[in-house]
């Protein structure tokens, strides 16, 4: 059977054969939905068969059809000239890919439905036109260059091409092939394209992700390594790890992770890898020692993660390693210093226990051995004044009175010193204490002892805090005694106890309108035996405020004072501020 040009004068059997080809192509496209490249190659081969070698098609016409033709049921003359074109359109229109054919001048001979929808122009109006008439110049030019390559080389090519569509630029992989007529002469170029825009985007995203990972891996400050999970062989390492361990990249890639691990940590790593292979764990974090090339040992934190390829095969590990040798050395130094400090504290504690015992012995001695002579001096001086008064002149009596006064003052000083020492040693029993009630009781006692004085006490109610009852009572007693003493020369005494806010913290205060003091000497107020007033003005030992300060400090508080001469003084204190 002679070759058919342009599919004219076809028999009924030939038409049926072409329809079978169309059915085969449709079936292949549906079967290859997940593999567009396979479907594309199949369509190209069948189209070329239909276009240039139709006798291969008619040779496969069933005998029953050939027999029916011989009986004259339908002749070739009855087949119109456009049968071949309609068959080609029927075949190509069932493809989801753009399909086309052009002559040697680049004019369209065939356009399928998919390409028609992309171009947005009815295909009847596109037949006979070139790409330059329907596509942007730069796109048309590139497509024509690719067509010329097929025409010049007379072979099929596969190449990427672009097209500008309403929703933006699309990228296609186009298979272009030469078309020959029945005489074997080049007739034109056929093409079928597959849209790979989304695939290209995915490739770009993947490439960018891979580049980002490469940068993080290669340029990151942490040591990083990838190793085969099954044999532990290092497959990739970054420069940071090379610098950390003192190896070159080539040297490390000849080793396993065990080779660079300190023997004391190898079993832990092997066990972690075993659990990863069994699927029991996905990651493992630890602190471990590594061996440098020169034999030096370093400490590092290591985060180990199991990773597989896209197919879930070939598992390997990714390690991120940070050198913490300096931190470990610092920790060891701290432990060493802590141990030394504990020893020092233990020694000092023992010394303090000895000193406390000596103080207790001293207190006992002061209480008994020193008080007895003072009592004798005071007692015998009083007896002389009483029993030999008629034999003493005024000067003698004055001397004896001064001796008695000095002895009594010395006894008072001893009592205050003992109280000061006792404050430091006393065990504290903290509990809720009503400071307002304690202050009220102290003020009531002061009034009872000197009912002739005109005085006004203002006590803010409801002041409660956590404190040792006996110690805080002693502190308040000293502060109120102080205020009562230094207001004694005033015709009217005014003493106030309350609470106020200073620098965002609550502060207690005791304020009086007494003698006050010069702020230039305020730092001496709480130093033992330091007095801002002469004994003849106001009696005292200079120990009371020192005792108050120690009590406040034992309550994790602070105390300070403000005053003006002949205006008054205010003492502020806080409790439990730590």
Protein backbone atom coordinates (compact mmCIF):
# COMPACT_ATOMS: atom_id res chain seq x y z
CA UNK A 1 0.00 0.00 0.00
CA UNK A 2 1.50 3.38 -1.00
CA UNK A 3 2.21 6.05 1.63
CA UNK A 4 -0.64 8.43 2.36
CA UNK A 5 0.08 12.16 2.21
CA UNK A 6 -2.05 14.40 4.44
CA UNK A 7 -4.26 11.39 5.30
CA UNK A 8 -6.51 11.87 2.22
CA UNK A 9 -8.38 9.06 0.46
CA UNK A 10 -8.48 6.86 3.59
CA UNK A 11 -10.56 3.69 3.69
CA UNK A 12 -12.96 2.78 6.43
CA UNK A 13 -10.41 0.29 7.78
CA UNK A 14 -7.69 2.95 7.87
CA UNK A 15 -9.99 5.31 9.70
CA UNK A 16 -10.71 2.59 12.24
CA UNK A 17 -6.97 2.00 12.70
CA UNK A 18 -6.37 5.69 13.38
CA UNK A 19 -9.18 5.68 15.89
CA UNK A 20 -7.52 2.71 17.62
CA UNK A 21 -4.29 4.74 17.83
CA UNK A 22 -6.21 7.61 19.41
CA UNK A 23 -7.71 5.19 21.94
CA UNK A 24 -4.24 3.78 22.70
CA UNK A 25 -2.87 7.28 23.26
CA UNK A 26 -5.72 8.26 25.59
CA UNK A 27 -5.25 5.03 27.56
CA UNK A 28 -1.48 5.63 27.81
CA UNK A 29 -1.98 9.21 29.04
CA UNK A 30 -4.35 8.02 31.75
CA UNK A 31 -1.95 5.23 32.79
CA UNK A 32 0.99 7.66 32.92
CA UNK A 33 -0.68 10.41 34.94
CA UNK A 34 2.12 10.29 37.48
CA UNK A 35 4.86 10.19 34.80
CA UNK A 36 4.30 12.93 32.18
CA UNK A 37 7.66 12.23 30.49
CA UNK A 38 6.64 8.66 29.68
CA UNK A 39 3.27 9.76 28.28
CA UNK A 40 4.94 12.50 26.25
CA UNK A 41 7.43 10.14 24.59
CA UNK A 42 4.67 7.68 23.75
CA UNK A 43 2.49 10.35 22.11
CA UNK A 44 5.44 11.60 20.05
CA UNK A 45 6.24 8.14 18.71
CA UNK A 46 2.61 7.42 17.75
CA UNK A 47 2.12 10.81 16.08
CA UNK A 48 5.24 10.34 14.00
CA UNK A 49 3.93 6.90 13.00
CA UNK A 50 0.58 8.34 11.93
CA UNK A 51 2.10 11.28 10.09
CA UNK A 52 4.91 9.66 8.09
CA UNK A 53 4.24 5.90 8.01
CA UNK A 54 0.49 5.30 7.78
CA UNK A 55 1.02 1.96 5.99
CA UNK A 56 2.23 0.52 9.33
CA UNK A 57 -1.13 1.45 10.69
CA UNK A 58 -3.16 -0.04 7.84
CA UNK A 59 -1.16 -3.24 7.96
CA UNK A 60 -2.68 -3.79 11.42
CA UNK A 61 -6.31 -3.39 10.21
CA UNK A 62 -8.34 -6.43 11.19
CA UNK A 63 -9.01 -8.90 8.30
CA UNK A 64 -12.76 -8.52 8.76
CA UNK A 65 -12.46 -4.79 7.98
CA UNK A 66 -10.30 -5.43 4.92
CA UNK A 67 -12.79 -7.97 3.74
CA UNK A 68 -15.66 -5.56 4.15
CA UNK A 69 -13.80 -2.99 2.05
CA UNK A 70 -13.34 -5.45 -0.77
CA UNK A 71 -17.08 -5.95 -0.82
CA UNK A 72 -17.49 -2.29 -1.54
CA UNK A 73 -19.25 -1.33 1.61
CA UNK A 74 -17.32 1.95 1.57
CA UNK A 75 -14.75 3.29 -0.90
CA UNK A 76 -11.84 5.68 -0.45
CA UNK A 77 -13.62 8.20 -2.59
CA UNK A 78 -16.20 8.57 0.13
CA UNK A 79 -13.60 9.69 2.63
CA UNK A 80 -13.26 13.47 2.63
CA UNK A 81 -9.95 15.25 2.42
CA UNK A 82 -10.10 16.46 5.98
CA UNK A 83 -10.32 13.01 7.62
CA UNK A 84 -6.63 12.92 8.43
CA UNK A 85 -6.70 16.36 10.05
CA UNK A 86 -9.74 15.44 12.12
CA UNK A 87 -8.07 12.22 13.25
CA UNK A 88 -4.95 14.04 14.31
CA UNK A 89 -7.01 16.58 16.23
CA UNK A 90 -8.97 13.79 17.86
CA UNK A 91 -5.73 12.18 18.99
CA UNK A 92 -3.99 15.33 20.15
CA UNK A 93 -7.00 16.96 21.79
CA UNK A 94 -7.06 14.18 24.33
CA UNK A 95 -3.63 15.19 25.61
CA UNK A 96 -3.18 17.46 28.62
CA UNK A 97 0.05 18.71 27.03
CA UNK A 98 0.30 21.36 24.27
CA UNK A 99 0.85 19.65 20.85
CA UNK A 100 1.55 21.41 17.57
CA UNK A 101 3.08 21.06 14.11
CA UNK A 102 4.64 23.76 11.93
CA UNK A 103 5.92 23.88 8.38
CA UNK A 104 9.49 24.71 7.46
CA UNK A 105 8.71 28.43 7.68
CA UNK A 106 7.36 28.10 11.22
CA UNK A 107 3.67 28.47 10.30
CA UNK A 108 1.25 26.45 12.40
CA UNK A 109 -0.23 23.38 10.67
CA UNK A 110 -1.74 21.80 13.78
CA UNK A 111 -2.70 23.12 17.23
CA UNK A 112 -4.38 20.97 19.87
CA UNK A 113 -7.05 22.09 22.30
CA UNK A 114 -4.61 22.51 25.21
CA UNK A 115 -2.35 24.88 23.26
CA UNK A 116 -5.41 26.75 22.03
CA UNK A 117 -6.51 27.40 25.63
CA UNK A 118 -3.00 28.57 26.60
CA UNK A 119 -2.76 31.04 23.72
CA UNK A 120 -6.33 32.19 24.27
CA UNK A 121 -7.03 32.44 20.51
CA UNK A 122 -9.26 30.13 18.41
CA UNK A 123 -7.01 27.68 16.61
CA UNK A 124 -8.75 28.23 13.27
CA UNK A 125 -7.36 31.76 13.29
CA UNK A 126 -3.87 30.53 14.28
CA UNK A 127 -3.38 28.00 11.44
CA UNK A 128 -0.95 29.47 8.95
CA UNK A 129 0.49 32.02 11.38
CA UNK A 130 3.98 32.02 12.87
CA UNK A 131 4.86 32.30 16.55
CA UNK A 132 6.07 35.84 15.98
CA UNK A 133 2.47 36.80 15.25
CA UNK A 134 1.06 35.35 18.49
CA UNK A 135 3.88 35.27 21.07
CA UNK A 136 6.10 37.96 22.64
CA UNK A 137 9.15 38.61 20.41
CA UNK A 138 11.76 37.18 22.76
CA UNK A 139 9.67 34.02 23.35
CA UNK A 140 8.89 33.52 19.65
CA UNK A 141 12.54 34.04 18.73
CA UNK A 142 13.76 31.38 21.14
CA UNK A 143 11.14 28.86 20.00
CA UNK A 144 12.11 29.44 16.36
CA UNK A 145 15.82 28.91 17.18
CA UNK A 146 14.90 25.53 18.68
CA UNK A 147 12.81 24.60 15.62
CA UNK A 148 15.73 25.49 13.33
CA UNK A 149 17.94 23.13 15.32
CA UNK A 150 15.53 20.27 14.56
CA UNK A 151 15.36 21.28 10.88
CA UNK A 152 19.15 21.54 10.52
CA UNK A 153 20.09 18.42 12.47
CA UNK A 154 17.09 16.28 11.39
CA UNK A 155 16.79 14.70 14.83
CA UNK A 156 14.58 14.87 17.90
CA UNK A 157 15.57 17.24 20.71
CA UNK A 158 14.36 17.80 24.24
CA UNK A 159 14.71 21.34 25.50
CA UNK A 160 13.31 23.78 28.07
CA UNK A 161 11.20 26.65 26.72
CA UNK A 162 9.34 29.54 28.31
CA UNK A 163 5.99 31.13 27.66
CA UNK A 164 4.26 34.17 29.16
CA UNK A 165 0.69 33.33 30.18
CA UNK A 166 -2.02 35.31 32.02
CA UNK A 167 -0.89 33.97 35.41
CA UNK A 168 2.80 34.61 34.75
CA UNK A 169 5.79 32.88 33.25
CA UNK A 170 5.57 29.13 32.62
CA UNK A 171 8.41 26.75 31.89
CA UNK A 172 7.95 23.75 29.57
CA UNK A 173 10.07 20.77 28.60
CA UNK A 174 9.45 20.43 24.88
CA UNK A 175 10.16 17.39 22.70
CA UNK A 176 10.58 18.56 19.09
CA UNK A 177 10.99 16.20 16.16
CA UNK A 178 11.19 16.39 12.35
CA UNK A 179 8.11 15.48 10.25
CA UNK A 180 8.63 13.78 6.83
CA UNK A 181 6.14 13.27 4.00
CA UNK A 182 5.52 9.99 2.18
CA UNK A 183 8.44 10.68 -0.09
CA UNK A 184 10.81 10.95 2.88
CA UNK A 185 11.31 14.69 2.51
CA UNK A 186 11.33 17.00 5.56
CA UNK A 187 7.89 18.53 5.79
CA UNK A 188 7.95 20.41 9.13
CA UNK A 189 8.48 20.21 12.90
CA UNK A 190 6.23 18.57 15.44
CA UNK A 191 6.29 19.29 19.15
CA UNK A 192 4.75 18.30 22.44
CA UNK A 193 5.40 20.24 25.66
CA UNK A 194 4.93 19.46 29.33
CA UNK A 195 4.44 22.25 31.87
CA UNK A 196 7.19 21.89 34.49
CA UNK A 197 6.68 25.27 36.16
CA UNK A 198 5.74 23.80 39.54
CA UNK A 199 8.52 21.25 39.29
CA UNK A 200 10.98 24.07 38.58
CA UNK A 201 9.72 25.99 41.59
CA UNK A 202 10.17 22.87 43.70
CA UNK A 203 13.65 22.39 42.28
CA UNK A 204 14.49 26.02 43.03
CA UNK A 205 13.16 25.70 46.57
CA UNK A 206 15.07 22.46 47.05
CA UNK A 207 18.22 23.99 45.61
CA UNK A 208 17.90 27.02 47.89
CA UNK A 209 17.26 24.74 50.86
CA UNK A 210 20.29 22.64 49.97
CA UNK A 211 22.39 25.78 49.59
CA UNK A 212 21.20 27.08 52.95
CA UNK A 213 21.99 23.76 54.60
CA UNK A 214 25.40 23.75 52.91
CA UNK A 215 26.12 27.26 54.22
CA UNK A 216 24.96 26.37 57.74
CA UNK A 217 26.96 23.15 57.62
CA UNK A 218 30.14 24.62 56.14
CA UNK A 219 30.18 28.08 57.71
CA UNK A 220 28.50 27.48 61.08
CA UNK A 221 30.49 28.01 64.29
CA UNK A 222 29.59 24.54 65.61
CA UNK A 223 31.46 21.45 64.55
CA UNK A 224 29.21 19.36 62.30
CA UNK A 225 29.60 15.87 60.88
CA UNK A 226 27.55 13.33 58.96
CA UNK A 227 28.29 9.63 59.38
CA UNK A 228 26.95 6.37 58.06
CA UNK A 229 24.68 5.01 60.78
CA UNK A 230 25.61 1.37 60.21
CA UNK A 231 29.41 1.52 60.16
CA UNK A 232 30.03 4.93 61.78
CA UNK A 233 32.19 6.13 58.88
CA UNK A 234 32.36 9.92 58.63
CA UNK A 235 30.98 11.00 55.25
CA UNK A 236 31.03 14.78 55.60
CA UNK A 237 32.62 17.21 58.07
CA UNK A 238 32.82 21.00 58.26
CA UNK A 239 35.83 23.21 58.80
CA UNK A 240 34.81 24.05 62.37
CA UNK A 241 35.12 20.38 63.34
CA UNK A 242 38.46 20.11 61.54
CA UNK A 243 39.75 23.08 63.51
CA UNK A 244 38.33 21.68 66.75
CA UNK A 245 40.02 18.26 66.38
CA UNK A 246 43.15 19.35 64.52
CA UNK A 247 42.58 17.15 61.46
CA UNK A 248 42.30 18.02 57.78
CA UNK A 249 39.00 17.24 56.09
CA UNK A 250 40.60 14.41 54.11
CA UNK A 251 42.01 12.84 57.29
CA UNK A 252 38.67 12.93 59.12
CA UNK A 253 36.81 11.33 56.21
CA UNK A 254 39.00 8.24 56.60
CA UNK A 255 37.90 7.79 60.25
CA UNK A 256 34.78 6.69 62.14
CA UNK A 257 33.14 8.51 65.02
CA UNK A 258 34.65 5.93 67.39
CA UNK A 259 38.16 6.86 66.25
CA UNK A 260 37.77 10.44 67.55
CA UNK A 261 35.83 9.55 70.72
CA UNK A 262 37.53 9.16 74.11
CA UNK A 263 37.47 5.50 75.25
CA UNK A 264 35.44 6.50 78.27
CA UNK A 265 32.51 7.53 76.04
CA UNK A 266 32.71 5.00 73.19
CA UNK A 267 30.31 2.49 74.75
CA UNK A 268 27.67 5.22 75.30
CA UNK A 269 27.89 6.27 71.63
CA UNK A 270 27.74 2.69 70.35
CA UNK A 271 24.66 2.03 72.49
CA UNK A 272 22.95 5.20 71.17
CA UNK A 273 23.63 4.17 67.54
CA UNK A 274 22.29 0.68 68.25
CA UNK A 275 19.03 2.14 69.57
CA UNK A 276 18.76 4.35 66.48
CA UNK A 277 19.18 1.34 64.17
CA UNK A 278 16.47 -0.48 66.14
CA UNK A 279 14.19 2.53 65.80
CA UNK A 280 13.97 3.10 69.55
CA UNK A 281 15.34 6.65 69.52
CA UNK A 282 15.66 9.42 66.93
CA UNK A 283 18.20 11.63 68.68
CA UNK A 284 20.73 11.54 71.51
CA UNK A 285 22.27 14.47 73.41
CA UNK A 286 25.24 14.19 75.71
CA UNK A 287 28.44 15.73 77.02
CA UNK A 288 31.46 13.73 75.95
CA UNK A 289 35.21 13.83 75.46
CA UNK A 290 36.87 13.83 72.04
CA UNK A 291 40.44 12.98 71.08
CA UNK A 292 42.33 15.53 69.01
CA UNK A 293 44.91 14.48 66.44
CA UNK A 294 47.73 15.44 68.83
CA UNK A 295 46.25 13.28 71.59
CA UNK A 296 44.81 16.18 73.55
CA UNK A 297 41.40 15.59 75.16
CA UNK A 298 38.59 18.13 74.80
CA UNK A 299 35.07 18.26 76.23
CA UNK A 300 32.07 18.95 73.99
CA UNK A 301 28.28 18.83 73.92
CA UNK A 302 27.08 16.60 71.09
CA UNK A 303 23.56 16.49 69.60
CA UNK A 304 23.17 13.35 67.47
CA UNK A 305 20.18 13.01 65.10
CA UNK A 306 19.18 10.13 62.83
CA UNK A 307 18.41 11.21 59.25
CA UNK A 308 17.38 9.22 56.15
CA UNK A 309 17.23 10.09 52.47
CA UNK A 310 13.98 10.98 50.68
CA UNK A 311 13.18 7.32 50.08
CA UNK A 312 13.73 6.54 53.74
CA UNK A 313 16.83 4.49 52.93
CA UNK A 314 20.55 4.83 53.69
CA UNK A 315 20.21 6.16 57.26
CA UNK A 316 22.99 8.34 58.57
CA UNK A 317 23.60 10.62 61.55
CA UNK A 318 24.07 14.36 61.83
CA UNK A 319 26.19 15.52 64.77
CA UNK A 320 26.38 19.09 66.06
CA UNK A 321 29.35 19.54 68.37
CA UNK A 322 30.27 22.50 70.61
CA UNK A 323 33.60 22.70 72.43
CA UNK A 324 32.99 23.26 76.17
CA UNK A 325 36.51 22.52 77.38
CA UNK A 326 36.94 25.98 78.91
CA UNK A 327 33.57 25.66 80.63
CA UNK A 328 34.55 22.27 82.05
CA UNK A 329 37.88 23.63 83.26
CA UNK A 330 36.06 26.55 84.88
CA UNK A 331 33.63 24.11 86.56
CA UNK A 332 36.54 22.06 87.87
CA UNK A 333 38.18 25.21 89.17
CA UNK A 334 34.92 26.22 90.85
CA UNK A 335 34.61 22.78 92.44
CA UNK A 336 38.19 23.01 93.62
CA UNK A 337 37.63 26.50 95.02
CA UNK A 338 34.34 25.42 96.58
CA UNK A 339 36.07 22.54 98.32
CA UNK A 340 38.79 24.89 99.55
CA UNK A 341 36.15 27.36 100.66
CA UNK A 342 34.27 24.63 102.50
CA UNK A 343 37.48 23.69 104.29
CA UNK A 344 38.13 27.33 105.16
CA UNK A 345 34.55 27.78 106.37
CA UNK A 346 34.85 24.61 108.41
CA UNK A 347 38.07 25.87 109.96
CA UNK A 348 36.59 29.31 110.64
CA UNK A 349 33.48 27.72 112.10
CA UNK A 350 35.60 25.69 114.47
CA UNK A 351 37.51 28.83 115.40
CA UNK A 352 34.26 30.72 115.93
CA UNK A 353 32.97 27.96 118.17
CA UNK A 354 36.12 28.27 120.25
CA UNK A 355 35.78 32.07 120.31
CA UNK A 356 32.13 31.80 121.32
CA UNK A 357 33.05 29.51 124.15
CA UNK A 358 35.70 31.99 125.23
CA UNK A 359 33.13 34.79 124.99
CA UNK A 360 30.71 32.80 127.09
CA UNK A 361 33.48 32.25 129.64
CA UNK A 362 34.28 35.97 129.48
CA UNK A 363 30.62 36.87 129.94
CA UNK A 364 30.45 34.60 132.93
CA UNK A 365 33.59 36.21 134.32
CA UNK A 366 32.21 39.70 133.71
CA UNK A 367 28.90 38.79 135.24
CA UNK A 368 30.37 37.32 138.40
CA UNK A 369 34.00 38.31 138.87
CA UNK A 370 33.67 41.97 137.85
CA UNK A 371 30.25 42.66 139.32
CA UNK A 372 31.29 41.52 142.81
CA UNK A 373 34.07 44.15 143.25
CA UNK A 374 31.79 46.84 141.81
CA UNK A 375 29.06 45.88 144.23
CA UNK A 376 31.62 46.01 147.09
CA UNK A 377 32.87 49.45 146.01
CA UNK A 378 29.34 50.79 145.76
CA UNK A 379 28.23 49.11 148.97
CA UNK A 380 31.18 50.19 151.14
CA UNK A 381 30.98 53.73 149.74
CA UNK A 382 27.32 53.88 150.73
CA UNK A 383 28.17 52.52 154.21
CA UNK A 384 30.82 55.21 154.70
CA UNK A 385 28.31 57.89 153.73
CA UNK A 386 25.69 56.50 156.08
CA UNK A 387 27.82 55.41 159.06
CA UNK A 388 30.55 58.06 159.04
CA UNK A 389 28.67 60.98 157.62
CA UNK A 390 29.40 63.10 160.70
CA UNK A 391 33.14 62.51 160.34
CA UNK A 392 33.33 63.41 156.60
CA UNK A 393 33.45 66.90 155.26
CA UNK A 394 31.62 67.87 152.09
CA UNK A 395 34.65 67.12 149.91
CA UNK A 396 34.90 63.58 151.25
CA UNK A 397 31.19 62.99 150.79
CA UNK A 398 31.45 64.29 147.20
CA UNK A 399 34.31 61.89 146.48
CA UNK A 400 32.33 58.94 147.81
CA UNK A 401 29.25 59.91 145.79
CA UNK A 402 31.42 60.14 142.67
CA UNK A 403 32.89 56.68 143.43
CA UNK A 404 29.40 55.23 143.78
CA UNK A 405 28.26 56.89 140.54
CA UNK A 406 31.27 55.54 138.63
CA UNK A 407 30.71 52.04 140.02
CA UNK A 408 27.02 52.10 139.08
CA UNK A 409 27.83 53.41 135.61
CA UNK A 410 30.42 50.68 135.18
CA UNK A 411 27.86 48.06 136.19
CA UNK A 412 25.41 49.48 133.65
CA UNK A 413 28.09 49.44 130.95
CA UNK A 414 28.86 45.79 131.73
CA UNK A 415 25.15 44.95 131.42
CA UNK A 416 24.95 46.70 128.02
CA UNK A 417 28.09 44.92 126.76
CA UNK A 418 26.67 41.56 127.82
CA UNK A 419 23.37 42.36 126.10
CA UNK A 420 25.24 43.33 122.89
CA UNK A 421 27.16 40.03 122.92
CA UNK A 422 23.98 38.10 123.72
CA UNK A 423 22.16 39.60 120.72
CA UNK A 424 24.74 38.12 118.33
CA UNK A 425 24.61 34.62 119.85
CA UNK A 426 20.91 34.25 120.58
CA UNK A 427 19.04 31.70 118.46
CA UNK A 428 16.24 33.43 116.54
CA UNK A 429 12.66 32.16 116.64
CA UNK A 430 10.84 33.95 113.86
CA UNK A 431 7.09 34.42 113.91
CA UNK A 432 4.38 36.99 113.28
CA UNK A 433 4.87 39.92 115.67
CA UNK A 434 2.49 42.82 116.39
CA UNK A 435 4.89 45.76 116.39
CA UNK A 436 2.13 48.25 117.20
CA UNK A 437 1.21 46.35 120.40
CA UNK A 438 4.86 46.16 121.53
CA UNK A 439 5.34 49.89 120.91
CA UNK A 440 2.17 50.74 122.82
CA UNK A 441 3.28 48.69 125.83
CA UNK A 442 6.72 50.33 125.87
CA UNK A 443 5.23 53.83 125.68
CA UNK A 444 2.80 53.04 128.49
CA UNK A 445 5.72 51.95 130.67
CA UNK A 446 7.63 55.18 129.94
CA UNK A 447 4.63 57.27 130.99
CA UNK A 448 4.18 55.28 134.21
CA UNK A 449 7.82 55.81 135.18
CA UNK A 450 7.62 59.57 134.79
CA UNK A 451 4.01 60.66 135.16
CA UNK A 452 4.95 64.31 135.57
CA UNK A 453 6.19 64.66 131.98
CA UNK A 454 3.86 66.09 129.36
CA UNK A 455 4.09 63.67 126.42
CA UNK A 456 2.12 62.52 123.37
CA UNK A 457 2.69 59.13 121.75
CA UNK A 458 1.28 58.35 118.27
CA UNK A 459 1.34 54.64 117.39
CA UNK A 460 0.13 53.51 113.95
CA UNK A 461 -2.13 50.47 114.50
CA UNK A 462 -1.92 47.14 112.69
CA UNK A 463 1.83 47.04 112.06
CA UNK A 464 2.78 43.36 111.86
CA UNK A 465 5.92 41.66 110.61
CA UNK A 466 7.96 38.47 110.86
CA UNK A 467 10.54 38.74 113.65
CA UNK A 468 12.00 37.26 116.81
CA UNK A 469 9.73 38.58 119.59
CA UNK A 470 12.35 39.07 122.30
CA UNK A 471 14.95 40.63 119.98
CA UNK A 472 12.56 43.04 118.25
CA UNK A 473 11.13 44.06 121.64
CA UNK A 474 14.69 44.87 122.81
CA UNK A 475 15.33 46.92 119.65
CA UNK A 476 12.10 48.93 120.02
CA UNK A 477 12.76 49.39 123.75
CA UNK A 478 16.16 50.91 122.99
CA UNK A 479 14.77 53.20 120.27
CA UNK A 480 11.88 54.46 122.42
CA UNK A 481 14.20 54.85 125.46
CA UNK A 482 16.48 56.92 123.26
CA UNK A 483 13.62 59.13 122.07
CA UNK A 484 12.32 59.52 125.65
CA UNK A 485 15.78 60.43 126.93
CA UNK A 486 16.61 63.03 124.26
CA UNK A 487 13.20 64.74 124.62
CA UNK A 488 13.51 65.01 128.41
CA UNK A 489 14.60 68.66 128.30
CA UNK A 490 11.58 69.67 126.18
CA UNK A 491 8.49 71.11 127.88
CA UNK A 492 6.37 68.84 125.65
CA UNK A 493 7.43 65.45 124.33
CA UNK A 494 6.13 64.11 121.03
CA UNK A 495 7.08 60.60 119.84
CA UNK A 496 5.61 58.87 116.77
CA UNK A 497 5.88 55.27 115.48
CA UNK A 498 4.62 54.31 112.02
CA UNK A 499 5.37 53.07 108.53
CA UNK A 500 6.08 54.89 105.26
CA UNK A 501 7.24 54.12 101.71
CA UNK A 502 10.77 55.10 100.67
CA UNK A 503 12.26 54.08 97.29
CA UNK A 504 9.43 51.61 96.62
CA UNK A 505 9.84 49.77 99.91
CA UNK A 506 7.97 49.92 103.21
CA UNK A 507 10.02 51.37 106.06
CA UNK A 508 9.27 51.67 109.82
CA UNK A 509 10.19 54.87 111.65
CA UNK A 510 10.35 56.35 115.19
CA UNK A 511 10.32 60.14 115.21
CA UNK A 512 10.82 62.55 118.15
CA UNK A 513 11.05 66.30 118.73
CA UNK A 514 14.11 66.06 121.00
CA UNK A 515 17.69 67.30 120.92
CA UNK A 516 18.40 65.87 117.48
CA UNK A 517 21.99 65.61 116.16
CA UNK A 518 24.34 66.97 113.56
CA UNK A 519 24.09 64.85 110.40
CA UNK A 520 27.84 65.27 109.92
CA UNK A 521 28.33 62.70 112.72
CA UNK A 522 25.49 60.37 111.75
CA UNK A 523 27.84 57.44 110.97
CA UNK A 524 28.99 57.35 114.62
CA UNK A 525 25.48 56.70 115.95
CA UNK A 526 25.69 52.92 115.69
CA UNK A 527 29.34 52.47 116.73
CA UNK A 528 29.69 51.05 120.27
CA UNK A 529 30.77 53.59 122.93
CA UNK A 530 30.52 56.51 120.46
CA UNK A 531 28.29 59.28 121.85
CA UNK A 532 27.22 62.55 120.21
CA UNK A 533 26.27 64.18 123.52
CA UNK A 534 28.18 64.62 126.75
CA UNK A 535 27.39 62.47 129.75
CA UNK A 536 26.33 65.46 131.80
CA UNK A 537 23.72 66.35 129.13
CA UNK A 538 22.28 62.90 128.59
CA UNK A 539 23.39 59.78 130.43
CA UNK A 540 24.17 56.56 128.61
CA UNK A 541 26.84 54.03 127.65
CA UNK A 542 26.85 54.41 123.85
CA UNK A 543 25.95 50.74 123.35
CA UNK A 544 22.16 50.88 122.91
CA UNK A 545 22.03 51.88 119.21
CA UNK A 546 24.81 49.40 118.37
CA UNK A 547 22.61 46.71 119.91
CA UNK A 548 19.62 47.86 117.84
CA UNK A 549 21.68 47.75 114.63
CA UNK A 550 22.79 44.16 115.30
CA UNK A 551 19.21 43.08 115.94
CA UNK A 552 17.99 44.71 112.71
CA UNK A 553 20.84 43.13 110.72
CA UNK A 554 19.97 39.71 112.11
CA UNK A 555 16.50 40.27 110.65
CA UNK A 556 18.03 40.95 107.19
CA UNK A 557 17.12 44.61 107.52
CA UNK A 558 18.85 47.97 107.65
CA UNK A 559 18.69 51.00 109.92
CA UNK A 560 19.64 54.64 109.48
CA UNK A 561 18.81 58.01 111.05
CA UNK A 562 18.15 61.62 110.11
CA UNK A 563 18.21 64.56 112.51
CA UNK A 564 18.52 68.29 113.09
CA UNK A 565 19.99 69.85 116.19
CA UNK A 566 17.23 70.97 118.62
CA UNK A 567 14.55 69.91 116.10
CA UNK A 568 14.48 66.17 116.59
CA UNK A 569 15.53 62.86 115.10
CA UNK A 570 13.94 60.07 113.04
CA UNK A 571 15.22 56.50 113.04
CA UNK A 572 14.23 54.35 110.02
CA UNK A 573 14.54 50.56 109.81
CA UNK A 574 13.44 47.67 107.60
CA UNK A 575 12.95 43.96 108.30
CA UNK A 576 13.26 40.86 106.08
CA UNK A 577 14.43 42.67 102.94
CA UNK A 578 16.46 39.71 101.58
